Amino acid sequence: MKMELATKQRITRNVILSLFIYVLPIALMFATFVITGQRPWEKKQHHTTQQTKSVNNKNADGNGSND
């Protein structure tokens, strides 16, 4: 079965448009990094765990009352 020329062109146009829409945010992100000079992948993040006290005033019986 042979495809019509108009259908083939429409599919090609839609594929190109879809790829453009997919790549555009990634390209804009890297363009922003180049313009601003930011390199977030090189930053060292400090992962410290904080121990916090529970603010739960319920008793230890586990029945949910505040007695």
PDB file of N, CA and C in Angstrom:
ATOM      1  N   MET A   1       0.840  -1.177   0.000  1.00  0.00           N
ATOM      2  CA  MET A   1       0.000   0.000   0.000  1.00  0.00           C
ATOM      3  C   MET A   1       0.888   1.244   0.000  1.00  0.00           C
ATOM      4  N   LYS A   2       0.656   2.102  -0.945  1.00  0.00           N
ATOM      5  CA  LYS A   2       1.461   3.302  -1.084  1.00  0.00           C
ATOM      6  C   LYS A   2       0.799   4.457  -0.340  1.00  0.00           C
ATOM      7  N   MET A   3       1.636   5.240   0.332  1.00  0.00           N
ATOM      8  CA  MET A   3       1.138   6.372   1.108  1.00  0.00           C
ATOM      9  C   MET A   3       1.070   7.619   0.226  1.00  0.00           C
ATOM     10  N   GLU A   4       0.042   8.398   0.441  1.00  0.00           N
ATOM     11  CA  GLU A   4      -0.075   9.634  -0.331  1.00  0.00           C
ATOM     12  C   GLU A   4       1.017  10.607   0.078  1.00  0.00           C
ATOM     13  N   LEU A   5       1.410  11.448  -0.836  1.00  0.00           N
ATOM     14  CA  LEU A   5       2.476  12.414  -0.584  1.00  0.00           C
ATOM     15  C   LEU A   5       2.080  13.396   0.517  1.00  0.00           C
ATOM     16  N   ALA A   6       0.835  13.843   0.523  1.00  0.00           N
ATOM     17  CA  ALA A   6       0.380  14.798   1.546  1.00  0.00           C
ATOM     18  C   ALA A   6       0.419  14.169   2.930  1.00  0.00           C
ATOM     19  N   THR A   7       0.048  12.902   3.045  1.00  0.00           N
ATOM     20  CA  THR A   7       0.071  12.195   4.332  1.00  0.00           C
ATOM     21  C   THR A   7       1.513  12.028   4.812  1.00  0.00           C
ATOM     22  N   LYS A   8       2.397  11.683   3.909  1.00  0.00           N
ATOM     23  CA  LYS A   8       3.804  11.516   4.264  1.00  0.00           C
ATOM     24  C   LYS A   8       4.403  12.838   4.737  1.00  0.00           C
ATOM     25  N   GLN A   9       4.085  13.920   4.061  1.00  0.00           N
ATOM     26  CA  GLN A   9       4.597  15.237   4.461  1.00  0.00           C
ATOM     27  C   GLN A   9       4.046  15.656   5.812  1.00  0.00           C
ATOM     28  N   ARG A  10       2.768  15.356   6.062  1.00  0.00           N
ATOM     29  CA  ARG A  10       2.144  15.715   7.330  1.00  0.00           C
ATOM     30  C   ARG A  10       2.788  14.941   8.490  1.00  0.00           C
ATOM     31  N   ILE A  11       3.053  13.647   8.270  1.00  0.00           N
ATOM     32  CA  ILE A  11       3.705  12.829   9.299  1.00  0.00           C
ATOM     33  C   ILE A  11       5.109  13.348   9.575  1.00  0.00           C
ATOM     34  N   THR A  12       5.845  13.668   8.508  1.00  0.00           N
ATOM     35  CA  THR A  12       7.203  14.194   8.666  1.00  0.00           C
ATOM     36  C   THR A  12       7.188  15.518   9.426  1.00  0.00           C
ATOM     37  N   ARG A  13       6.262  16.404   9.056  1.00  0.00           N
ATOM     38  CA  ARG A  13       6.154  17.691   9.746  1.00  0.00           C
ATOM     39  C   ARG A  13       5.819  17.501  11.222  1.00  0.00           C
ATOM     40  N   ASN A  14       4.897  16.580  11.526  1.00  0.00           N
ATOM     41  CA  ASN A  14       4.510  16.341  12.911  1.00  0.00           C
ATOM     42  C   ASN A  14       5.647  15.733  13.730  1.00  0.00           C
ATOM     43  N   VAL A  15       6.435  14.860  13.124  1.00  0.00           N
ATOM     44  CA  VAL A  15       7.582  14.273  13.824  1.00  0.00           C
ATOM     45  C   VAL A  15       8.612  15.353  14.146  1.00  0.00           C
ATOM     46  N   ILE A  16       8.909  16.202  13.178  1.00  0.00           N
ATOM     47  CA  ILE A  16       9.881  17.284  13.396  1.00  0.00           C
ATOM     48  C   ILE A  16       9.374  18.243  14.467  1.00  0.00           C
ATOM     49  N   LEU A  17       8.105  18.597  14.425  1.00  0.00           N
ATOM     50  CA  LEU A  17       7.529  19.487  15.420  1.00  0.00           C
ATOM     51  C   LEU A  17       7.558  18.856  16.806  1.00  0.00           C
ATOM     52  N   SER A  18       7.267  17.577  16.908  1.00  0.00           N
ATOM     53  CA  SER A  18       7.294  16.884  18.193  1.00  0.00           C
ATOM     54  C   SER A  18       8.703  16.852  18.772  1.00  0.00           C
ATOM     55  N   LEU A  19       9.686  16.560  17.944  1.00  0.00           N
ATOM     56  CA  LEU A  19      11.072  16.557  18.414  1.00  0.00           C
ATOM     57  C   LEU A  19      11.513  17.948  18.853  1.00  0.00           C
ATOM     58  N   PHE A  20      11.096  18.980  18.131  1.00  0.00           N
ATOM     59  CA  PHE A  20      11.427  20.349  18.502  1.00  0.00           C
ATOM     60  C   PHE A  20      10.834  20.697  19.870  1.00  0.00           C
ATOM     61  N   ILE A  21       9.579  20.340  20.077  1.00  0.00           N
ATOM     62  CA  ILE A  21       8.927  20.624  21.360  1.00  0.00           C
ATOM     63  C   ILE A  21       9.591  19.844  22.487  1.00  0.00           C
ATOM     64  N   TYR A  22      10.049  18.632  22.211  1.00  0.00           N
ATOM     65  CA  TYR A  22      10.709  17.818  23.220  1.00  0.00           C
ATOM     66  C   TYR A  22      12.082  18.382  23.591  1.00  0.00           C
ATOM     67  N   VAL A  23      12.835  18.849  22.607  1.00  0.00           N
ATOM     68  CA  VAL A  23      14.211  19.304  22.822  1.00  0.00           C
ATOM     69  C   VAL A  23      14.265  20.751  23.328  1.00  0.00           C
ATOM     70  N   LEU A  24      13.262  21.556  23.045  1.00  0.00           N
ATOM     71  CA  LEU A  24      13.284  22.982  23.379  1.00  0.00           C
ATOM     72  C   LEU A  24      13.552  23.272  24.862  1.00  0.00           C
ATOM     73  N   PRO A  25      12.863  22.651  25.822  1.00  0.00           N
ATOM     74  CA  PRO A  25      13.155  22.968  27.232  1.00  0.00           C
ATOM     75  C   PRO A  25      14.579  22.605  27.640  1.00  0.00           C
ATOM     76  N   ILE A  26      15.095  21.507  27.116  1.00  0.00           N
ATOM     77  CA  ILE A  26      16.462  21.100  27.451  1.00  0.00           C
ATOM     78  C   ILE A  26      17.461  22.099  26.880  1.00  0.00           C
ATOM     79  N   ALA A  27      17.243  22.525  25.651  1.00  0.00           N
ATOM     80  CA  ALA A  27      18.130  23.507  25.028  1.00  0.00           C
ATOM     81  C   ALA A  27      18.071  24.843  25.775  1.00  0.00           C
ATOM     82  N   LEU A  28      16.879  25.259  26.175  1.00  0.00           N
ATOM     83  CA  LEU A  28      16.751  26.511  26.927  1.00  0.00           C
ATOM     84  C   LEU A  28      17.433  26.426  28.284  1.00  0.00           C
ATOM     85  N   MET A  29      17.356  25.274  28.926  1.00  0.00           N
ATOM     86  CA  MET A  29      18.019  25.093  30.214  1.00  0.00           C
ATOM     87  C   MET A  29      19.533  25.246  30.060  1.00  0.00           C
ATOM     88  N   PHE A  30      20.110  24.581  29.081  1.00  0.00           N
ATOM     89  CA  PHE A  30      21.556  24.691  28.876  1.00  0.00           C
ATOM     90  C   PHE A  30      21.955  26.082  28.390  1.00  0.00           C
ATOM     91  N   ALA A  31      21.125  26.738  27.609  1.00  0.00           N
ATOM     92  CA  ALA A  31      21.419  28.114  27.201  1.00  0.00           C
ATOM     93  C   ALA A  31      21.424  29.032  28.418  1.00  0.00           C
ATOM     94  N   THR A  32      20.504  28.798  29.347  1.00  0.00           N
ATOM     95  CA  THR A  32      20.486  29.583  30.588  1.00  0.00           C
ATOM     96  C   THR A  32      21.756  29.356  31.386  1.00  0.00           C
ATOM     97  N   PHE A  33      22.226  28.103  31.455  1.00  0.00           N
ATOM     98  CA  PHE A  33      23.468  27.817  32.173  1.00  0.00           C
ATOM     99  C   PHE A  33      24.653  28.529  31.534  1.00  0.00           C
ATOM    100  N   VAL A  34      24.690  28.583  30.215  1.00  0.00           N
ATOM    101  CA  VAL A  34      25.790  29.248  29.520  1.00  0.00           C
ATOM    102  C   VAL A  34      25.735  30.755  29.770  1.00  0.00           C
ATOM    103  N   ILE A  35      24.553  31.343  29.689  1.00  0.00           N
ATOM    104  CA  ILE A  35      24.411  32.790  29.853  1.00  0.00           C
ATOM    105  C   ILE A  35      24.715  33.218  31.277  1.00  0.00           C
ATOM    106  N   THR A  36      24.180  32.484  32.267  1.00  0.00           N
ATOM    107  CA  THR A  36      24.355  32.884  33.667  1.00  0.00           C
ATOM    108  C   THR A  36      25.650  32.363  34.272  1.00  0.00           C
ATOM    109  N   GLY A  37      26.257  31.368  33.652  1.00  0.00           N
ATOM    110  CA  GLY A  37      27.492  30.805  34.188  1.00  0.00           C
ATOM    111  C   GLY A  37      27.256  29.834  35.333  1.00  0.00           C
ATOM    112  N   GLN A  38      26.028  29.469  35.585  1.00  0.00           N
ATOM    113  CA  GLN A  38      25.733  28.526  36.660  1.00  0.00           C
ATOM    114  C   GLN A  38      26.095  27.111  36.235  1.00  0.00           C
ATOM    115  N   ARG A  39      26.559  26.339  37.202  1.00  0.00           N
ATOM    116  CA  ARG A  39      26.852  24.926  36.983  1.00  0.00           C
ATOM    117  C   ARG A  39      26.351  24.134  38.190  1.00  0.00           C
ATOM    118  N   PRO A  40      25.051  23.879  38.255  1.00  0.00           N
ATOM    119  CA  PRO A  40      24.502  23.233  39.439  1.00  0.00           C
ATOM    120  C   PRO A  40      25.001  21.809  39.640  1.00  0.00           C
ATOM    121  N   TRP A  41      25.494  21.164  38.624  1.00  0.00           N
ATOM    122  CA  TRP A  41      25.993  19.807  38.774  1.00  0.00           C
ATOM    123  C   TRP A  41      27.342  19.772  39.470  1.00  0.00           C
ATOM    124  N   GLU A  42      28.004  20.930  39.611  1.00  0.00           N
ATOM    125  CA  GLU A  42      29.289  20.974  40.291  1.00  0.00           C
ATOM    126  C   GLU A  42      29.170  21.381  41.751  1.00  0.00           C
ATOM    127  N   LYS A  43      28.006  21.800  42.189  1.00  0.00           N
ATOM    128  CA  LYS A  43      27.832  22.230  43.575  1.00  0.00           C
ATOM    129  C   LYS A  43      27.778  21.018  44.487  1.00  0.00           C
ATOM    130  N   LYS A  44      28.472  21.134  45.613  1.00  0.00           N
ATOM    131  CA  LYS A  44      28.426  20.087  46.620  1.00  0.00           C
ATOM    132  C   LYS A  44      27.266  20.379  47.550  1.00  0.00           C
ATOM    133  N   GLN A  45      26.387  19.430  47.692  1.00  0.00           N
ATOM    134  CA  GLN A  45      25.259  19.610  48.584  1.00  0.00           C
ATOM    135  C   GLN A  45      25.575  18.934  49.906  1.00  0.00           C
ATOM    136  N   HIS A  46      25.262  19.625  50.982  1.00  0.00           N
ATOM    137  CA  HIS A  46      25.472  19.084  52.310  1.00  0.00           C
ATOM    138  C   HIS A  46      24.208  18.363  52.740  1.00  0.00           C
ATOM    139  N   HIS A  47      24.317  17.065  52.842  1.00  0.00           N
ATOM    140  CA  HIS A  47      23.177  16.273  53.283  1.00  0.00           C
ATOM    141  C   HIS A  47      23.368  15.955  54.765  1.00  0.00           C
ATOM    142  N   THR A  48      22.820  16.795  55.585  1.00  0.00           N
ATOM    143  CA  THR A  48      22.894  16.547  57.016  1.00  0.00           C
ATOM    144  C   THR A  48      21.513  16.173  57.507  1.00  0.00           C
ATOM    145  N   THR A  49      21.503  15.188  58.356  1.00  0.00           N
ATOM    146  CA  THR A  49      20.227  14.781  58.919  1.00  0.00           C
ATOM    147  C   THR A  49      20.062  15.461  60.264  1.00  0.00           C
ATOM    148  N   GLN A  50      18.924  16.010  60.478  1.00  0.00           N
ATOM    149  CA  GLN A  50      18.637  16.667  61.732  1.00  0.00           C
ATOM    150  C   GLN A  50      17.735  15.777  62.553  1.00  0.00           C
ATOM    151  N   GLN A  51      18.081  15.643  63.814  1.00  0.00           N
ATOM    152  CA  GLN A  51      17.229  14.888  64.697  1.00  0.00           C
ATOM    153  C   GLN A  51      16.258  15.858  65.339  1.00  0.00           C
ATOM    154  N   THR A  52      14.999  15.572  65.167  1.00  0.00           N
ATOM    155  CA  THR A  52      13.979  16.454  65.710  1.00  0.00           C
ATOM    156  C   THR A  52      13.185  15.727  66.763  1.00  0.00           C
ATOM    157  N   LYS A  53      12.690  16.506  67.709  1.00  0.00           N
ATOM    158  CA  LYS A  53      11.850  15.929  68.743  1.00  0.00           C
ATOM    159  C   LYS A  53      10.429  15.865  68.220  1.00  0.00           C
ATOM    160  N   SER A  54       9.747  14.846  68.600  1.00  0.00           N
ATOM    161  CA  SER A  54       8.362  14.704  68.206  1.00  0.00           C
ATOM    162  C   SER A  54       7.519  15.701  68.988  1.00  0.00           C
ATOM    163  N   VAL A  55       6.573  16.302  68.310  1.00  0.00           N
ATOM    164  CA  VAL A  55       5.670  17.247  68.969  1.00  0.00           C
ATOM    165  C   VAL A  55       4.340  16.572  69.276  1.00  0.00           C
ATOM    166  N   ASN A  56       4.321  15.269  69.239  1.00  0.00           N
ATOM    167  CA  ASN A  56       3.112  14.513  69.507  1.00  0.00           C
ATOM    168  C   ASN A  56       2.906  14.437  71.016  1.00  0.00           C
ATOM    169  N   ASN A  57       1.788  14.937  71.495  1.00  0.00           N
ATOM    170  CA  ASN A  57       1.504  14.951  72.924  1.00  0.00           C
ATOM    171  C   ASN A  57       0.700  13.749  73.373  1.00  0.00           C
ATOM    172  N   LYS A  58       0.509  12.796  72.536  1.00  0.00           N
ATOM    173  CA  LYS A  58      -0.310  11.644  72.891  1.00  0.00           C
ATOM    174  C   LYS A  58       0.460  10.714  73.817  1.00  0.00           C
ATOM    175  N   ASN A  59      -0.275   9.976  74.624  1.00  0.00           N
ATOM    176  CA  ASN A  59       0.388   9.087  75.570  1.00  0.00           C
ATOM    177  C   ASN A  59       0.947   7.856  74.886  1.00  0.00           C
ATOM    178  N   ALA A  60       1.698   7.060  75.593  1.00  0.00           N
ATOM    179  CA  ALA A  60       2.386   5.922  75.033  1.00  0.00           C
ATOM    180  C   ALA A  60       1.474   4.716  74.849  1.00  0.00           C
ATOM    181  N   ASP A  61       0.217   4.801  75.282  1.00  0.00           N
ATOM    182  CA  ASP A  61      -0.672   3.655  75.144  1.00  0.00           C
ATOM    183  C   ASP A  61      -1.053   3.419  73.683  1.00  0.00           C
ATOM    184  N   GLY A  62      -0.959   4.430  72.879  1.00  0.00           N
ATOM    185  CA  GLY A  62      -1.279   4.275  71.470  1.00  0.00           C
ATOM    186  C   GLY A  62      -2.769   4.317  71.194  1.00  0.00           C
ATOM    187  N   ASN A  63      -3.564   4.768  72.152  1.00  0.00           N
ATOM    188  CA  ASN A  63      -5.006   4.810  71.908  1.00  0.00           C
ATOM    189  C   ASN A  63      -5.462   6.168  71.395  1.00  0.00           C
ATOM    190  N   GLY A  64      -4.554   7.113  71.260  1.00  0.00           N
ATOM    191  CA  GLY A  64      -4.894   8.400  70.674  1.00  0.00           C
ATOM    192  C   GLY A  64      -5.425   9.422  71.647  1.00  0.00           C
ATOM    193  N   SER A  65      -5.540   9.082  72.891  1.00  0.00           N
ATOM    194  CA  SER A  65      -6.038  10.090  73.838  1.00  0.00           C
ATOM    195  C   SER A  65      -4.877  10.930  74.360  1.00  0.00           C
ATOM    196  N   ASN A  66      -5.160  12.123  74.797  1.00  0.00           N
ATOM    197  CA  ASN A  66      -4.137  13.026  75.322  1.00  0.00           C
ATOM    198  C   ASN A  66      -4.091  13.016  76.840  1.00  0.00           C
ATOM    199  N   ASP A  67      -4.498  11.934  77.471  1.00  0.00           N
ATOM    200  CA  ASP A  67      -4.536  11.863  78.934  1.00  0.00           C
ATOM    201  C   ASP A  67      -3.158  11.847  79.523  1.00  0.00           C
TER     202      ASP A  67
END
